[in-house]
Structures are given as structure tokens and as C-alpha cells.
Amino acid sequence: MQLSLILLQAAQSFDELKFLGIKLINTEDYVELLVRFGLNLLVTIFIVVGLYAKSSKRKDFYFTYIAISIVIFLLCFLLESVKI
């Protein structure tokens, strides 16, 4: 919770950044993306290293599992904002 507050305070300076009158970044959504991505990455690493590594000694799939998790997270996060 503290981390998100620190990131939000740091990101408020980006609210004033404009290019040709257009706001460059939506800081609230960006901070939310970073917090959720960090949580997703922690859970994924725990599952891959903590659970998968104990049952299987094949380390060649670590990168694949983490990459698939990142891609699925980003797709879900981006598709959440699409209105039907």
C-alpha cells in the first residue's frame, strides 16, 4: 500500500506533461498497471520457482511460464478497458 502511494505521488508530476495540449500519460492507470503487474509477477515467480521447481527439475520451462503469464496479464489488463 505504501509503494502505491509513493508511486502515485511521484507520478503526479507527470500530470502536468502535455504535448500540443494533449495529456501524455494517465498516471492513475499507469500506477495501477505497475502495482498489478508487480503482484502478478510475484505470484507467478512463487508458483514457478516454489511449486514447479520442487516437483520437476527442468529449468528450461521457467522463462516460458513467466513469459506466458506476462502476456496473458497484459492482454487481460488491456482488454479490461475495451467497451463493447
N, C-alpha and C. Protein backbone atom coordinates (compact mmCIF):
# COMPACT_ATOMS: atom_id res chain seq x y z
N MET A 1 0.82 -1.19 0.00
CA MET A 1 0.00 0.00 0.00
C MET A 1 0.87 1.26 0.00
N GLN A 2 1.96 1.21 0.76
CA GLN A 2 2.87 2.34 0.83
C GLN A 2 3.52 2.60 -0.52
N LEU A 3 3.86 1.51 -1.21
CA LEU A 3 4.51 1.63 -2.50
C LEU A 3 3.60 2.33 -3.50
N SER A 4 2.32 1.98 -3.50
CA SER A 4 1.40 2.61 -4.44
C SER A 4 1.23 4.09 -4.14
N LEU A 5 1.27 4.48 -2.86
CA LEU A 5 1.17 5.90 -2.51
C LEU A 5 2.42 6.66 -2.96
N ILE A 6 3.57 6.04 -2.80
CA ILE A 6 4.82 6.68 -3.24
C ILE A 6 4.83 6.85 -4.75
N LEU A 7 4.40 5.79 -5.45
CA LEU A 7 4.35 5.88 -6.91
C LEU A 7 3.34 6.91 -7.38
N LEU A 8 2.22 7.01 -6.68
CA LEU A 8 1.20 7.99 -7.06
C LEU A 8 1.71 9.40 -6.85
N GLN A 9 2.42 9.65 -5.76
CA GLN A 9 2.97 10.98 -5.50
C GLN A 9 4.03 11.34 -6.54
N ALA A 10 4.86 10.38 -6.89
CA ALA A 10 5.89 10.64 -7.90
C ALA A 10 5.27 10.86 -9.27
N ALA A 11 4.17 10.16 -9.53
CA ALA A 11 3.55 10.25 -10.85
C ALA A 11 2.72 11.51 -11.02
N GLN A 12 2.38 12.19 -9.92
CA GLN A 12 1.58 13.40 -10.04
C GLN A 12 2.32 14.50 -10.78
N SER A 13 3.63 14.46 -10.77
CA SER A 13 4.39 15.45 -11.53
C SER A 13 4.22 15.22 -13.03
N PHE A 14 3.89 14.00 -13.42
CA PHE A 14 3.66 13.71 -14.84
C PHE A 14 2.30 14.21 -15.32
N ASP A 15 1.40 14.55 -14.40
CA ASP A 15 0.08 15.05 -14.79
C ASP A 15 0.20 16.35 -15.58
N GLU A 16 1.23 17.10 -15.33
CA GLU A 16 1.39 18.39 -15.98
C GLU A 16 2.04 18.28 -17.35
N LEU A 17 2.53 17.11 -17.72
CA LEU A 17 3.17 16.93 -19.01
C LEU A 17 2.13 16.90 -20.12
N LYS A 18 2.25 17.83 -21.02
CA LYS A 18 1.33 17.88 -22.15
C LYS A 18 2.13 18.15 -23.41
N PHE A 19 1.64 17.61 -24.50
CA PHE A 19 2.25 17.83 -25.80
C PHE A 19 1.15 18.26 -26.75
N LEU A 20 1.24 19.48 -27.25
CA LEU A 20 0.23 20.07 -28.12
C LEU A 20 -1.15 20.05 -27.46
N GLY A 21 -1.16 20.28 -26.14
CA GLY A 21 -2.41 20.34 -25.40
C GLY A 21 -3.02 18.98 -25.07
N ILE A 22 -2.29 17.91 -25.34
CA ILE A 22 -2.80 16.56 -25.08
C ILE A 22 -2.02 15.98 -23.90
N LYS A 23 -2.74 15.44 -22.94
CA LYS A 23 -2.12 14.82 -21.78
C LYS A 23 -1.35 13.58 -22.23
N LEU A 24 -0.08 13.48 -21.85
CA LEU A 24 0.77 12.39 -22.34
C LEU A 24 0.50 11.06 -21.64
N ILE A 25 0.20 11.09 -20.34
CA ILE A 25 0.06 9.84 -19.61
C ILE A 25 -1.02 9.98 -18.55
N ASN A 26 -1.82 8.93 -18.41
CA ASN A 26 -2.80 8.88 -17.34
C ASN A 26 -2.13 8.19 -16.16
N THR A 27 -1.72 8.97 -15.18
CA THR A 27 -0.89 8.44 -14.10
C THR A 27 -1.62 7.44 -13.22
N GLU A 28 -2.91 7.62 -13.00
CA GLU A 28 -3.65 6.69 -12.15
C GLU A 28 -3.68 5.30 -12.77
N ASP A 29 -3.95 5.23 -14.06
CA ASP A 29 -3.96 3.93 -14.74
C ASP A 29 -2.57 3.32 -14.81
N TYR A 30 -1.55 4.16 -14.99
CA TYR A 30 -0.18 3.67 -15.08
C TYR A 30 0.28 3.07 -13.75
N VAL A 31 -0.05 3.76 -12.65
CA VAL A 31 0.31 3.24 -11.33
C VAL A 31 -0.44 1.94 -11.05
N GLU A 32 -1.71 1.89 -11.43
CA GLU A 32 -2.48 0.66 -11.25
C GLU A 32 -1.87 -0.49 -12.05
N LEU A 33 -1.43 -0.21 -13.27
CA LEU A 33 -0.78 -1.23 -14.09
C LEU A 33 0.50 -1.74 -13.42
N LEU A 34 1.32 -0.83 -12.91
CA LEU A 34 2.57 -1.23 -12.27
C LEU A 34 2.33 -2.07 -11.01
N VAL A 35 1.37 -1.67 -10.20
CA VAL A 35 1.08 -2.41 -8.97
C VAL A 35 0.55 -3.80 -9.29
N ARG A 36 -0.40 -3.88 -10.20
CA ARG A 36 -0.97 -5.18 -10.56
C ARG A 36 0.07 -6.07 -11.25
N PHE A 37 0.91 -5.47 -12.10
CA PHE A 37 1.95 -6.25 -12.77
C PHE A 37 2.95 -6.80 -11.77
N GLY A 38 3.33 -5.99 -10.80
CA GLY A 38 4.25 -6.45 -9.76
C GLY A 38 3.66 -7.60 -8.96
N LEU A 39 2.40 -7.48 -8.60
CA LEU A 39 1.73 -8.55 -7.86
C LEU A 39 1.64 -9.82 -8.70
N ASN A 40 1.29 -9.66 -9.96
CA ASN A 40 1.21 -10.81 -10.87
C ASN A 40 2.57 -11.49 -11.02
N LEU A 41 3.61 -10.70 -11.15
CA LEU A 41 4.94 -11.25 -11.30
C LEU A 41 5.40 -11.99 -10.04
N LEU A 42 5.10 -11.43 -8.87
CA LEU A 42 5.44 -12.12 -7.62
C LEU A 42 4.73 -13.46 -7.48
N VAL A 43 3.45 -13.48 -7.78
CA VAL A 43 2.68 -14.73 -7.69
C VAL A 43 3.19 -15.74 -8.71
N THR A 44 3.48 -15.28 -9.91
CA THR A 44 3.99 -16.18 -10.95
C THR A 44 5.34 -16.77 -10.56
N ILE A 45 6.22 -15.94 -10.05
CA ILE A 45 7.53 -16.44 -9.64
C ILE A 45 7.40 -17.42 -8.48
N PHE A 46 6.49 -17.14 -7.55
CA PHE A 46 6.26 -18.07 -6.45
C PHE A 46 5.77 -19.42 -6.97
N ILE A 47 4.84 -19.39 -7.91
CA ILE A 47 4.30 -20.64 -8.45
C ILE A 47 5.37 -21.39 -9.22
N VAL A 48 6.10 -20.69 -10.07
CA VAL A 48 7.10 -21.37 -10.91
C VAL A 48 8.27 -21.89 -10.08
N VAL A 49 8.83 -21.03 -9.26
CA VAL A 49 10.02 -21.43 -8.50
C VAL A 49 9.64 -22.26 -7.27
N GLY A 50 8.61 -21.84 -6.57
CA GLY A 50 8.25 -22.52 -5.33
C GLY A 50 7.55 -23.84 -5.52
N LEU A 51 6.65 -23.92 -6.47
CA LEU A 51 5.87 -25.15 -6.63
C LEU A 51 6.37 -26.02 -7.78
N TYR A 52 6.61 -25.43 -8.94
CA TYR A 52 7.03 -26.21 -10.09
C TYR A 52 8.44 -26.77 -9.93
N ALA A 53 9.34 -25.97 -9.35
CA ALA A 53 10.73 -26.39 -9.22
C ALA A 53 10.87 -27.57 -8.26
N LYS A 54 9.99 -27.66 -7.28
CA LYS A 54 10.07 -28.76 -6.33
C LYS A 54 9.61 -30.08 -6.94
N SER A 55 8.66 -30.01 -7.85
CA SER A 55 8.13 -31.24 -8.43
C SER A 55 8.87 -31.66 -9.71
N SER A 56 9.53 -30.72 -10.36
CA SER A 56 10.24 -31.02 -11.59
C SER A 56 11.58 -30.30 -11.58
N LYS A 57 12.59 -30.96 -12.04
CA LYS A 57 13.93 -30.36 -12.06
C LYS A 57 14.27 -29.71 -13.40
N ARG A 58 13.30 -29.60 -14.30
CA ARG A 58 13.54 -28.99 -15.62
C ARG A 58 13.45 -27.48 -15.51
N LYS A 59 14.57 -26.84 -15.65
CA LYS A 59 14.62 -25.38 -15.53
C LYS A 59 14.41 -24.67 -16.86
N ASP A 60 14.33 -25.43 -17.93
CA ASP A 60 14.20 -24.80 -19.24
C ASP A 60 12.80 -24.23 -19.49
N PHE A 61 11.82 -24.57 -18.65
CA PHE A 61 10.47 -24.04 -18.82
C PHE A 61 10.20 -22.81 -17.96
N TYR A 62 11.10 -22.42 -17.09
CA TYR A 62 10.89 -21.25 -16.22
C TYR A 62 10.56 -20.01 -17.03
N PHE A 63 11.42 -19.71 -18.00
CA PHE A 63 11.22 -18.50 -18.81
C PHE A 63 9.89 -18.56 -19.55
N THR A 64 9.55 -19.71 -20.08
CA THR A 64 8.31 -19.86 -20.85
C THR A 64 7.09 -19.60 -19.98
N TYR A 65 7.06 -20.16 -18.79
CA TYR A 65 5.92 -19.96 -17.90
C TYR A 65 5.78 -18.50 -17.50
N ILE A 66 6.89 -17.85 -17.19
CA ILE A 66 6.83 -16.44 -16.79
C ILE A 66 6.43 -15.57 -17.98
N ALA A 67 6.94 -15.86 -19.17
CA ALA A 67 6.59 -15.06 -20.35
C ALA A 67 5.11 -15.20 -20.70
N ILE A 68 4.59 -16.42 -20.63
CA ILE A 68 3.17 -16.62 -20.92
C ILE A 68 2.31 -15.90 -19.90
N SER A 69 2.71 -15.92 -18.63
CA SER A 69 1.97 -15.21 -17.60
C SER A 69 1.95 -13.71 -17.86
N ILE A 70 3.07 -13.15 -18.27
CA ILE A 70 3.14 -11.72 -18.56
C ILE A 70 2.25 -11.35 -19.74
N VAL A 71 2.29 -12.15 -20.79
CA VAL A 71 1.47 -11.86 -21.98
C VAL A 71 -0.01 -11.94 -21.64
N ILE A 72 -0.42 -12.96 -20.91
CA ILE A 72 -1.83 -13.11 -20.54
C ILE A 72 -2.26 -11.95 -19.64
N PHE A 73 -1.41 -11.55 -18.69
CA PHE A 73 -1.74 -10.42 -17.82
C PHE A 73 -1.95 -9.15 -18.63
N LEU A 74 -1.02 -8.85 -19.54
CA LEU A 74 -1.14 -7.62 -20.32
C LEU A 74 -2.36 -7.63 -21.23
N LEU A 75 -2.67 -8.79 -21.83
CA LEU A 75 -3.87 -8.88 -22.65
C LEU A 75 -5.14 -8.64 -21.82
N CYS A 76 -5.21 -9.27 -20.66
CA CYS A 76 -6.37 -9.08 -19.81
C CYS A 76 -6.49 -7.64 -19.31
N PHE A 77 -5.38 -7.04 -18.95
CA PHE A 77 -5.40 -5.66 -18.46
C PHE A 77 -5.84 -4.70 -19.56
N LEU A 78 -5.34 -4.90 -20.76
CA LEU A 78 -5.71 -4.01 -21.87
C LEU A 78 -7.14 -4.25 -22.34
N LEU A 79 -7.58 -5.49 -22.35
CA LEU A 79 -8.95 -5.77 -22.78
C LEU A 79 -9.99 -5.37 -21.76
N GLU A 80 -9.56 -5.14 -20.52
CA GLU A 80 -10.48 -4.70 -19.47
C GLU A 80 -11.07 -3.33 -19.80
N SER A 81 -10.32 -2.50 -20.48
CA SER A 81 -10.78 -1.14 -20.77
C SER A 81 -11.60 -1.05 -22.07
N VAL A 82 -11.71 -2.12 -22.83
CA VAL A 82 -12.46 -2.10 -24.07
C VAL A 82 -13.96 -2.16 -23.76
N LYS A 83 -14.68 -1.25 -24.36
CA LYS A 83 -16.14 -1.23 -24.17
C LYS A 83 -16.83 -1.84 -25.35
N ILE A 84 -17.76 -2.72 -25.07
CA ILE A 84 -18.50 -3.42 -26.15
C ILE A 84 -19.74 -2.63 -26.51
